[in-house]
Amino acid sequence: MKLEEERALKEIKTEFSNNTPVLSSQMGNFINTVAPYLIAPDCKELRNEDSAKYLNSMTFFRLKSCTTENVDDLAAYLNQKIEKLFIAIHSINRPIVYVEFFGMNPRQGLKSDLIEQTLYMHTYFPATSDLIAIENQGEGDYYLVDSEDVVYEYDTSLKQLRKTALKLFEYIVERFESVG
């Protein structure tokens, strides 16, 4: 193996090692948010009585494989594959719903959507200068969070900031429930 290849492999292993605890933590938070009964010792009080109805109303598709060629931009390549999958699913009249929050990762660094959208809001809408952007629900309707985990809604067309009655965790749960 060439020295350059060894160095690249070492960088990938290091990045993987660094990302594994973060991924584990985030996955634990996700499971705790979406399906806490999976990690609770006595889950009867956490079960949603309508969960069977929700699950029966959904169609689940198993991805058997996803291969990638040697591409320059892996994220763009996978995004294109997912778009094709969604188009195929839509063509058989199956609705596709999801929630997408702004986030950040070490690879994107300061170019992550969480940072870029927050800076955008701070630049063009000074009323949001103490807040962090977490979601754009479209048509200029942004959701932001403060240092106390209180969620705010900002309407860019009205230039209005409204404090919701929700903490960040409650907001995330509510968003997942709203698309269910």
C-alpha atoms as a PDB file:
ATOM      1  CA  MET A   1       0.000   0.000   0.000  1.00  0.00           C
ATOM      2  CA  LYS A   2       1.303   3.435  -0.879  1.00  0.00           C
ATOM      3  CA  LEU A   3       2.082   5.902   1.872  1.00  0.00           C
ATOM      4  CA  GLU A   4      -0.663   8.206   0.568  1.00  0.00           C
ATOM      5  CA  GLU A   5      -3.243   5.392   0.679  1.00  0.00           C
ATOM      6  CA  GLU A   6      -2.159   4.423   4.192  1.00  0.00           C
ATOM      7  CA  ARG A   7      -2.516   8.025   5.341  1.00  0.00           C
ATOM      8  CA  ALA A   8      -5.988   8.283   3.757  1.00  0.00           C
ATOM      9  CA  LEU A   9      -7.036   4.997   5.370  1.00  0.00           C
ATOM     10  CA  LYS A  10      -5.751   6.179   8.747  1.00  0.00           C
ATOM     11  CA  GLU A  11      -7.738   9.437   8.376  1.00  0.00           C
ATOM     12  CA  ILE A  12     -10.902   7.498   7.574  1.00  0.00           C
ATOM     13  CA  LYS A  13     -10.389   5.201  10.577  1.00  0.00           C
ATOM     14  CA  THR A  14      -9.767   8.213  12.817  1.00  0.00           C
ATOM     15  CA  GLU A  15     -12.870   9.997  11.528  1.00  0.00           C
ATOM     16  CA  PHE A  16     -14.918   6.837  11.997  1.00  0.00           C
ATOM     17  CA  SER A  17     -13.598   6.457  15.544  1.00  0.00           C
ATOM     18  CA  ASN A  18     -14.401  10.089  16.302  1.00  0.00           C
ATOM     19  CA  ASN A  19     -17.900   9.894  14.792  1.00  0.00           C
ATOM     20  CA  THR A  20     -18.918   6.602  16.405  1.00  0.00           C
ATOM     21  CA  PRO A  21     -19.596   8.031  19.902  1.00  0.00           C
ATOM     22  CA  VAL A  22     -21.473  10.978  18.396  1.00  0.00           C
ATOM     23  CA  LEU A  23     -23.540   8.678  16.196  1.00  0.00           C
ATOM     24  CA  SER A  24     -24.257   6.373  19.138  1.00  0.00           C
ATOM     25  CA  SER A  25     -25.356   9.279  21.287  1.00  0.00           C
ATOM     26  CA  GLN A  26     -27.537  10.767  18.553  1.00  0.00           C
ATOM     27  CA  MET A  27     -29.100   7.389  17.772  1.00  0.00           C
ATOM     28  CA  GLY A  28     -29.891   6.973  21.468  1.00  0.00           C
ATOM     29  CA  ASN A  29     -31.504  10.416  21.517  1.00  0.00           C
ATOM     30  CA  PHE A  30     -33.455   9.586  18.350  1.00  0.00           C
ATOM     31  CA  ILE A  31     -34.762   6.292  19.763  1.00  0.00           C
ATOM     32  CA  ASN A  32     -35.573   7.978  23.059  1.00  0.00           C
ATOM     33  CA  THR A  33     -37.535  10.628  21.137  1.00  0.00           C
ATOM     34  CA  VAL A  34     -39.335   8.475  18.574  1.00  0.00           C
ATOM     35  CA  ALA A  35     -39.737   5.129  20.331  1.00  0.00           C
ATOM     36  CA  PRO A  36     -38.706   5.365  23.999  1.00  0.00           C
ATOM     37  CA  TYR A  37     -40.346   2.042  24.783  1.00  0.00           C
ATOM     38  CA  LEU A  38     -37.498   0.344  22.925  1.00  0.00           C
ATOM     39  CA  ILE A  39     -35.046   1.314  25.666  1.00  0.00           C
ATOM     40  CA  ALA A  40     -37.328   1.431  28.710  1.00  0.00           C
ATOM     41  CA  PRO A  41     -37.199  -1.571  31.077  1.00  0.00           C
ATOM     42  CA  ASP A  42     -40.980  -1.540  31.657  1.00  0.00           C
ATOM     43  CA  CYS A  43     -42.496  -0.132  28.509  1.00  0.00           C
ATOM     44  CA  LYS A  44     -46.237  -0.559  29.064  1.00  0.00           C
ATOM     45  CA  GLU A  45     -46.767   3.033  30.184  1.00  0.00           C
ATOM     46  CA  LEU A  46     -44.855   4.372  27.154  1.00  0.00           C
ATOM     47  CA  ARG A  47     -46.696   2.510  24.419  1.00  0.00           C
ATOM     48  CA  ASN A  48     -49.003   4.446  22.191  1.00  0.00           C
ATOM     49  CA  GLU A  49     -52.308   2.598  21.946  1.00  0.00           C
ATOM     50  CA  ASP A  50     -52.702   3.808  18.369  1.00  0.00           C
ATOM     51  CA  SER A  51     -49.246   2.627  17.296  1.00  0.00           C
ATOM     52  CA  ALA A  52     -50.618  -0.451  15.524  1.00  0.00           C
ATOM     53  CA  LYS A  53     -52.995   1.777  13.572  1.00  0.00           C
ATOM     54  CA  TYR A  54     -50.096   4.053  12.583  1.00  0.00           C
ATOM     55  CA  LEU A  55     -47.891   1.144  11.567  1.00  0.00           C
ATOM     56  CA  ASN A  56     -50.662  -0.524   9.577  1.00  0.00           C
ATOM     57  CA  SER A  57     -51.270   2.704   7.650  1.00  0.00           C
ATOM     58  CA  MET A  58     -47.652   2.778   6.471  1.00  0.00           C
ATOM     59  CA  THR A  59     -45.889   0.833   3.769  1.00  0.00           C
ATOM     60  CA  PHE A  60     -42.347  -0.193   4.574  1.00  0.00           C
ATOM     61  CA  PHE A  61     -39.790  -0.812   1.869  1.00  0.00           C
ATOM     62  CA  ARG A  62     -36.601  -2.709   2.487  1.00  0.00           C
ATOM     63  CA  LEU A  63     -33.509  -1.472   0.734  1.00  0.00           C
ATOM     64  CA  LYS A  64     -31.762  -4.636  -0.295  1.00  0.00           C
ATOM     65  CA  SER A  65     -28.543  -2.932  -1.302  1.00  0.00           C
ATOM     66  CA  CYS A  66     -27.062   0.411  -2.148  1.00  0.00           C
ATOM     67  CA  THR A  67     -23.824   0.401  -4.039  1.00  0.00           C
ATOM     68  CA  THR A  68     -21.634   3.334  -4.883  1.00  0.00           C
ATOM     69  CA  GLU A  69     -19.075   3.740  -7.546  1.00  0.00           C
ATOM     70  CA  ASN A  70     -15.909   5.734  -7.123  1.00  0.00           C
ATOM     71  CA  VAL A  71     -17.537   9.174  -7.192  1.00  0.00           C
ATOM     72  CA  ASP A  72     -16.252  12.634  -6.373  1.00  0.00           C
ATOM     73  CA  ASP A  73     -19.234  13.716  -4.274  1.00  0.00           C
ATOM     74  CA  LEU A  74     -20.679  10.750  -2.378  1.00  0.00           C
ATOM     75  CA  ALA A  75     -23.388  12.831  -0.705  1.00  0.00           C
ATOM     76  CA  ALA A  76     -24.689  14.134  -4.045  1.00  0.00           C
ATOM     77  CA  TYR A  77     -24.559  10.627  -5.498  1.00  0.00           C
ATOM     78  CA  LEU A  78     -26.557   9.116  -2.622  1.00  0.00           C
ATOM     79  CA  ASN A  79     -28.981  12.026  -2.726  1.00  0.00           C
ATOM     80  CA  GLN A  80     -29.620  11.284  -6.397  1.00  0.00           C
ATOM     81  CA  LYS A  81     -30.293   7.614  -5.580  1.00  0.00           C
ATOM     82  CA  ILE A  82     -32.724   8.577  -2.806  1.00  0.00           C
ATOM     83  CA  GLU A  83     -34.503  10.990  -5.165  1.00  0.00           C
ATOM     84  CA  LYS A  84     -34.981   8.165  -7.683  1.00  0.00           C
ATOM     85  CA  LEU A  85     -36.307   5.921  -4.909  1.00  0.00           C
ATOM     86  CA  PHE A  86     -38.799   8.581  -3.791  1.00  0.00           C
ATOM     87  CA  ILE A  87     -39.953   9.152  -7.391  1.00  0.00           C
ATOM     88  CA  ALA A  88     -40.513   5.412  -7.793  1.00  0.00           C
ATOM     89  CA  ILE A  89     -42.458   5.197  -4.519  1.00  0.00           C
ATOM     90  CA  HIS A  90     -44.527   8.256  -5.426  1.00  0.00           C
ATOM     91  CA  SER A  91     -45.419   6.683  -8.786  1.00  0.00           C
ATOM     92  CA  ILE A  92     -47.206   3.857  -6.957  1.00  0.00           C
ATOM     93  CA  ASN A  93     -49.242   6.399  -4.954  1.00  0.00           C
ATOM     94  CA  ARG A  94     -47.483   5.966  -1.639  1.00  0.00           C
ATOM     95  CA  PRO A  95     -47.026   9.182   0.315  1.00  0.00           C
ATOM     96  CA  ILE A  96     -43.556   9.956   1.586  1.00  0.00           C
ATOM     97  CA  VAL A  97     -43.340  11.993   4.752  1.00  0.00           C
ATOM     98  CA  TYR A  98     -40.301  13.006   6.712  1.00  0.00           C
ATOM     99  CA  VAL A  99     -38.962  15.640   9.039  1.00  0.00           C
ATOM    100  CA  GLU A 100     -35.634  17.279   8.326  1.00  0.00           C
ATOM    101  CA  PHE A 101     -33.907  19.347  10.963  1.00  0.00           C
ATOM    102  CA  PHE A 102     -30.829  21.434  10.394  1.00  0.00           C
ATOM    103  CA  GLY A 103     -27.711  19.710  11.624  1.00  0.00           C
ATOM    104  CA  MET A 104     -23.974  19.698  11.514  1.00  0.00           C
ATOM    105  CA  ASN A 105     -21.247  17.160  11.078  1.00  0.00           C
ATOM    106  CA  PRO A 106     -17.470  17.242  11.179  1.00  0.00           C
ATOM    107  CA  ARG A 107     -17.118  16.846   7.429  1.00  0.00           C
ATOM    108  CA  GLN A 108     -19.207  19.944   6.640  1.00  0.00           C
ATOM    109  CA  GLY A 109     -17.892  21.919   9.582  1.00  0.00           C
ATOM    110  CA  LEU A 110     -18.820  25.588   9.250  1.00  0.00           C
ATOM    111  CA  LYS A 111     -20.655  24.848   5.979  1.00  0.00           C
ATOM    112  CA  SER A 112     -23.335  22.774   7.724  1.00  0.00           C
ATOM    113  CA  ASP A 113     -26.933  23.835   7.182  1.00  0.00           C
ATOM    114  CA  LEU A 114     -27.409  24.551  10.895  1.00  0.00           C
ATOM    115  CA  ILE A 115     -24.599  27.112  10.874  1.00  0.00           C
ATOM    116  CA  GLU A 116     -25.333  28.563   7.436  1.00  0.00           C
ATOM    117  CA  GLN A 117     -29.075  28.967   8.101  1.00  0.00           C
ATOM    118  CA  THR A 118     -28.413  30.459  11.539  1.00  0.00           C
ATOM    119  CA  LEU A 119     -25.967  32.989  10.055  1.00  0.00           C
ATOM    120  CA  TYR A 120     -28.459  33.757   7.276  1.00  0.00           C
ATOM    121  CA  MET A 121     -31.196  34.444   9.828  1.00  0.00           C
ATOM    122  CA  HIS A 122     -28.867  36.609  11.938  1.00  0.00           C
ATOM    123  CA  THR A 123     -27.802  38.624   8.881  1.00  0.00           C
ATOM    124  CA  TYR A 124     -31.226  39.287   7.376  1.00  0.00           C
ATOM    125  CA  PHE A 125     -33.461  39.056  10.463  1.00  0.00           C
ATOM    126  CA  PRO A 126     -31.654  40.652  13.455  1.00  0.00           C
ATOM    127  CA  ALA A 127     -34.482  39.702  15.850  1.00  0.00           C
ATOM    128  CA  THR A 128     -33.115  36.148  15.658  1.00  0.00           C
ATOM    129  CA  SER A 129     -29.544  37.068  16.638  1.00  0.00           C
ATOM    130  CA  ASP A 130     -29.649  35.138  19.940  1.00  0.00           C
ATOM    131  CA  LEU A 131     -31.217  32.021  18.420  1.00  0.00           C
ATOM    132  CA  ILE A 132     -30.072  28.955  16.468  1.00  0.00           C
ATOM    133  CA  ALA A 133     -32.040  27.878  13.384  1.00  0.00           C
ATOM    134  CA  ILE A 134     -33.238  24.271  13.597  1.00  0.00           C
ATOM    135  CA  GLU A 135     -35.828  23.972  10.819  1.00  0.00           C
ATOM    136  CA  ASN A 136     -37.282  25.748   7.813  1.00  0.00           C
ATOM    137  CA  GLN A 137     -40.835  24.535   7.242  1.00  0.00           C
ATOM    138  CA  GLY A 138     -41.047  26.396   3.952  1.00  0.00           C
ATOM    139  CA  GLU A 139     -42.464  29.703   2.780  1.00  0.00           C
ATOM    140  CA  GLY A 140     -40.190  31.626   5.161  1.00  0.00           C
ATOM    141  CA  ASP A 141     -41.424  29.847   8.283  1.00  0.00           C
ATOM    142  CA  TYR A 142     -38.363  29.158  10.441  1.00  0.00           C
ATOM    143  CA  TYR A 143     -38.063  27.492  13.826  1.00  0.00           C
ATOM    144  CA  LEU A 144     -35.232  28.460  16.121  1.00  0.00           C
ATOM    145  CA  VAL A 145     -34.092  27.588  19.628  1.00  0.00           C
ATOM    146  CA  ASP A 146     -32.508  29.643  22.400  1.00  0.00           C
ATOM    147  CA  SER A 147     -29.898  28.692  24.996  1.00  0.00           C
ATOM    148  CA  GLU A 148     -32.644  27.497  27.366  1.00  0.00           C
ATOM    149  CA  ASP A 149     -34.026  25.053  24.728  1.00  0.00           C
ATOM    150  CA  VAL A 150     -37.113  27.204  24.161  1.00  0.00           C
ATOM    151  CA  VAL A 151     -38.373  27.017  20.567  1.00  0.00           C
ATOM    152  CA  TYR A 152     -39.397  30.112  18.603  1.00  0.00           C
ATOM    153  CA  GLU A 153     -41.156  30.538  15.276  1.00  0.00           C
ATOM    154  CA  TYR A 154     -40.039  33.303  12.933  1.00  0.00           C
ATOM    155  CA  ASP A 155     -42.141  34.382   9.967  1.00  0.00           C
ATOM    156  CA  THR A 156     -39.771  36.074   7.530  1.00  0.00           C
ATOM    157  CA  SER A 157     -42.539  37.702   5.480  1.00  0.00           C
ATOM    158  CA  LEU A 158     -44.081  39.365   8.554  1.00  0.00           C
ATOM    159  CA  LYS A 159     -40.713  39.709  10.321  1.00  0.00           C
ATOM    160  CA  GLN A 160     -42.396  38.373  13.443  1.00  0.00           C
ATOM    161  CA  LEU A 161     -40.814  36.295  16.197  1.00  0.00           C
ATOM    162  CA  ARG A 162     -43.162  34.182  18.292  1.00  0.00           C
ATOM    163  CA  LYS A 163     -42.182  32.157  21.358  1.00  0.00           C
ATOM    164  CA  THR A 164     -43.802  28.721  21.263  1.00  0.00           C
ATOM    165  CA  ALA A 165     -44.813  26.908  24.407  1.00  0.00           C
ATOM    166  CA  LEU A 166     -42.407  24.087  23.545  1.00  0.00           C
ATOM    167  CA  LYS A 167     -38.942  23.053  24.626  1.00  0.00           C
ATOM    168  CA  LEU A 168     -36.687  21.584  21.931  1.00  0.00           C
ATOM    169  CA  PHE A 169     -37.352  17.961  22.889  1.00  0.00           C
ATOM    170  CA  GLU A 170     -41.131  18.530  22.871  1.00  0.00           C
ATOM    171  CA  TYR A 171     -40.882  20.285  19.510  1.00  0.00           C
ATOM    172  CA  ILE A 172     -38.980  17.372  17.956  1.00  0.00           C
ATOM    173  CA  VAL A 173     -41.517  14.852  19.262  1.00  0.00           C
ATOM    174  CA  GLU A 174     -44.406  17.000  18.024  1.00  0.00           C
ATOM    175  CA  ARG A 175     -42.865  17.284  14.543  1.00  0.00           C
ATOM    176  CA  PHE A 176     -42.430  13.528  14.253  1.00  0.00           C
ATOM    177  CA  GLU A 177     -46.003  12.994  15.406  1.00  0.00           C
ATOM    178  CA  SER A 178     -47.296  15.598  12.911  1.00  0.00           C
ATOM    179  CA  VAL A 179     -46.086  13.580   9.917  1.00  0.00           C
ATOM    180  CA  GLY A 180     -47.221  10.222  11.287  1.00  0.00           C
END
